[in-house]
Every structure is written in C-alpha cells, then in structure tokens.
C-alpha atoms as a PDB file:
ATOM      1  CA  UNK A   1      39.110 162.113  -3.069  1.00  0.00           C
ATOM      2  CA  UNK A   2      39.902 159.124  -5.126  1.00  0.00           C
ATOM      3  CA  UNK A   3      37.150 157.964  -7.402  1.00  0.00           C
ATOM      4  CA  UNK A   4      37.068 154.321  -8.123  1.00  0.00           C
ATOM      5  CA  UNK A   5      36.166 153.426 -11.682  1.00  0.00           C
ATOM      6  CA  UNK A   6      34.154 150.261 -11.691  1.00  0.00           C
ATOM      7  CA  UNK A   7      32.069 149.896 -14.815  1.00  0.00           C
ATOM      8  CA  UNK A   8      28.760 148.248 -14.251  1.00  0.00           C
ATOM      9  CA  UNK A   9      27.578 145.228 -16.139  1.00  0.00           C
ATOM     10  CA  UNK A  10      25.034 147.399 -17.951  1.00  0.00           C
ATOM     11  CA  UNK A  11      27.739 149.793 -19.221  1.00  0.00           C
ATOM     12  CA  UNK A  12      29.855 146.856 -20.327  1.00  0.00           C
ATOM     13  CA  UNK A  13      26.946 145.361 -22.268  1.00  0.00           C
ATOM     14  CA  UNK A  14      26.134 148.718 -23.912  1.00  0.00           C
ATOM     15  CA  UNK A  15      29.731 149.175 -25.077  1.00  0.00           C
ATOM     16  CA  UNK A  16      29.961 145.578 -26.280  1.00  0.00           C
ATOM     17  CA  UNK A  17      26.703 145.908 -28.204  1.00  0.00           C
ATOM     18  CA  UNK A  18      27.867 149.135 -29.839  1.00  0.00           C
ATOM     19  CA  UNK A  19      31.104 147.465 -30.909  1.00  0.00           C
ATOM     20  CA  UNK A  20      29.258 144.494 -32.401  1.00  0.00           C
ATOM     21  CA  UNK A  21      26.890 146.797 -34.293  1.00  0.00           C
ATOM     22  CA  UNK A  22      29.852 148.698 -35.795  1.00  0.00           C
ATOM     23  CA  UNK A  23      31.602 145.614 -37.193  1.00  0.00           C
ATOM     24  CA  UNK A  24      29.346 145.221 -40.284  1.00  0.00           C
ATOM     25  CA  UNK A  25      29.471 148.960 -40.961  1.00  0.00           C
ATOM     26  CA  UNK A  26      33.257 148.886 -40.948  1.00  0.00           C
ATOM     27  CA  UNK A  27      33.397 145.724 -43.055  1.00  0.00           C
ATOM     28  CA  UNK A  28      31.012 147.084 -45.711  1.00  0.00           C
ATOM     29  CA  UNK A  29      32.728 150.436 -46.023  1.00  0.00           C
ATOM     30  CA  UNK A  30      35.281 150.307 -48.824  1.00  0.00           C
ATOM     31  CA  UNK A  31      37.006 153.420 -47.549  1.00  0.00           C
ATOM     32  CA  UNK A  32      38.069 151.696 -44.377  1.00  0.00           C
ATOM     33  CA  UNK A  33      39.804 148.961 -46.333  1.00  0.00           C
ATOM     34  CA  UNK A  34      41.480 151.355 -48.759  1.00  0.00           C
ATOM     35  CA  UNK A  35      44.969 152.516 -47.953  1.00  0.00           C
ATOM     36  CA  UNK A  36      47.289 155.099 -49.431  1.00  0.00           C
ATOM     37  CA  UNK A  37      50.977 155.651 -48.872  1.00  0.00           C
ATOM     38  CA  UNK A  38      51.005 159.442 -49.023  1.00  0.00           C
ATOM     39  CA  UNK A  39      54.715 159.812 -48.256  1.00  0.00           C
ATOM     40  CA  UNK A  40      55.715 157.603 -51.169  1.00  0.00           C
ATOM     41  CA  UNK A  41      53.168 159.292 -53.427  1.00  0.00           C
ATOM     42  CA  UNK A  42      54.720 162.651 -52.660  1.00  0.00           C
ATOM     43  CA  UNK A  43      58.287 161.390 -53.088  1.00  0.00           C
ATOM     44  CA  UNK A  44      57.464 159.772 -56.442  1.00  0.00           C
ATOM     45  CA  UNK A  45      55.326 162.727 -57.610  1.00  0.00           C
ATOM     46  CA  UNK A  46      52.277 160.505 -58.128  1.00  0.00           C
ATOM     47  CA  UNK A  47      49.306 162.045 -59.917  1.00  0.00           C
ATOM     48  CA  UNK A  48      45.896 160.618 -60.835  1.00  0.00           C
ATOM     49  CA  UNK A  49      46.237 161.556 -64.499  1.00  0.00           C
ATOM     50  CA  UNK A  50      48.553 160.148 -67.173  1.00  0.00           C
ATOM     51  CA  UNK A  51      51.670 161.849 -68.488  1.00  0.00           C
ATOM     52  CA  UNK A  52      51.134 161.542 -72.220  1.00  0.00           C
ATOM     53  CA  UNK A  53      51.180 157.836 -73.069  1.00  0.00           C
ATOM     54  CA  UNK A  54      52.704 156.973 -69.680  1.00  0.00           C
ATOM     55  CA  UNK A  55      50.127 155.685 -67.201  1.00  0.00           C
ATOM     56  CA  UNK A  56      50.093 153.124 -64.402  1.00  0.00           C
ATOM     57  CA  UNK A  57      48.156 150.564 -66.475  1.00  0.00           C
ATOM     58  CA  UNK A  58      51.128 150.327 -68.861  1.00  0.00           C
ATOM     59  CA  UNK A  59      53.777 150.274 -66.099  1.00  0.00           C
ATOM     60  CA  UNK A  60      55.616 147.121 -65.065  1.00  0.00           C
ATOM     61  CA  UNK A  61      55.209 148.080 -61.377  1.00  0.00           C
ATOM     62  CA  UNK A  62      51.384 148.314 -61.489  1.00  0.00           C
ATOM     63  CA  UNK A  63      49.304 145.578 -59.839  1.00  0.00           C
ATOM     64  CA  UNK A  64      45.833 145.666 -61.480  1.00  0.00           C
ATOM     65  CA  UNK A  65      42.621 145.822 -59.465  1.00  0.00           C
ATOM     66  CA  UNK A  66      39.587 143.565 -59.907  1.00  0.00           C
ATOM     67  CA  UNK A  67      38.669 145.184 -63.234  1.00  0.00           C
ATOM     68  CA  UNK A  68      40.689 147.100 -65.802  1.00  0.00           C
ATOM     69  CA  UNK A  69      39.263 150.444 -64.645  1.00  0.00           C
ATOM     70  CA  UNK A  70      39.345 149.835 -60.870  1.00  0.00           C
ATOM     71  CA  UNK A  71      42.125 151.012 -58.571  1.00  0.00           C
ATOM     72  CA  UNK A  72      45.011 148.647 -58.006  1.00  0.00           C
ATOM     73  CA  UNK A  73      48.342 148.619 -56.253  1.00  0.00           C
ATOM     74  CA  UNK A  74      51.977 149.309 -57.032  1.00  0.00           C
ATOM     75  CA  UNK A  75      55.151 147.413 -56.209  1.00  0.00           C
ATOM     76  CA  UNK A  76      56.860 150.742 -55.471  1.00  0.00           C
ATOM     77  CA  UNK A  77      54.166 151.982 -53.026  1.00  0.00           C
ATOM     78  CA  UNK A  78      53.896 149.336 -50.273  1.00  0.00           C
ATOM     79  CA  UNK A  79      50.463 149.129 -48.698  1.00  0.00           C
ATOM     80  CA  UNK A  80      48.836 151.493 -51.199  1.00  0.00           C
ATOM     81  CA  UNK A  81      45.678 149.983 -52.691  1.00  0.00           C
ATOM     82  CA  UNK A  82      44.293 153.099 -54.359  1.00  0.00           C
ATOM     83  CA  UNK A  83      46.529 153.492 -57.418  1.00  0.00           C
ATOM     84  CA  UNK A  84      44.573 154.631 -60.458  1.00  0.00           C
ATOM     85  CA  UNK A  85      45.273 152.736 -63.699  1.00  0.00           C
ATOM     86  CA  UNK A  86      45.279 156.186 -65.318  1.00  0.00           C
ATOM     87  CA  UNK A  87      47.771 157.638 -62.808  1.00  0.00           C
ATOM     88  CA  UNK A  88      51.473 158.324 -63.267  1.00  0.00           C
ATOM     89  CA  UNK A  89      54.640 158.728 -61.184  1.00  0.00           C
ATOM     90  CA  UNK A  90      58.334 159.233 -61.913  1.00  0.00           C
ATOM     91  CA  UNK A  91      59.044 155.504 -61.334  1.00  0.00           C
ATOM     92  CA  UNK A  92      57.058 154.580 -64.469  1.00  0.00           C
ATOM     93  CA  UNK A  93      58.690 151.841 -66.548  1.00  0.00           C
ATOM     94  CA  UNK A  94      57.082 150.329 -69.650  1.00  0.00           C
ATOM     95  CA  UNK A  95      55.839 146.756 -69.538  1.00  0.00           C
ATOM     96  CA  UNK A  96      57.827 144.511 -71.874  1.00  0.00           C
ATOM     97  CA  UNK A  97      55.997 143.647 -75.066  1.00  0.00           C
END
C-alpha cells in the first residue's frame, strides 16, 4: 500500500515553532559561528603553541581578532576564524618593522 504523506497544520506549526526557538540559540552560540580549515591546518603543520619567537601574532599573514589575545584569522587559511595569536605554522613570515 502506498502511504500518502500529508502533514497536518498542527505538525507544520510545531516544526515551525521549534525552528524559530532554535534561531537565538544558534545565534548566541559562538561555536556555531567559528570555523576551522582542518585540511589547510594539517598541510601547513599548524599548532596552537609558538615555535620559539615565531607565533601567529608576529606573522604578516595573521588577521587579529577583536582583542590581542582573542582568536583571529589567517590569509593562508581561508575561512578559518580560530587561529590562535600564539599559534604557529610553516608559512610563518615576520611582519616588517
């Protein structure tokens, strides 16, 4: 037998309400907005700790976050917004003085 799927108005309203309730939870959660480019991180041997004096905060490729200690981005890692200012990768290049 063929079952016909015809959602009722009540089911539609329940699903719509659940979706509306989830919007603020998703918007408030910082983890949802954060993104990492794991393939590039692996290829560039990214680590969350510095390599001697070499760290992302002193790299020309680093895009700082809102504060000096918050995570930022990197021109080398497209779409990655979780780069630590204390991190390091093999693409490190000193900022000009």
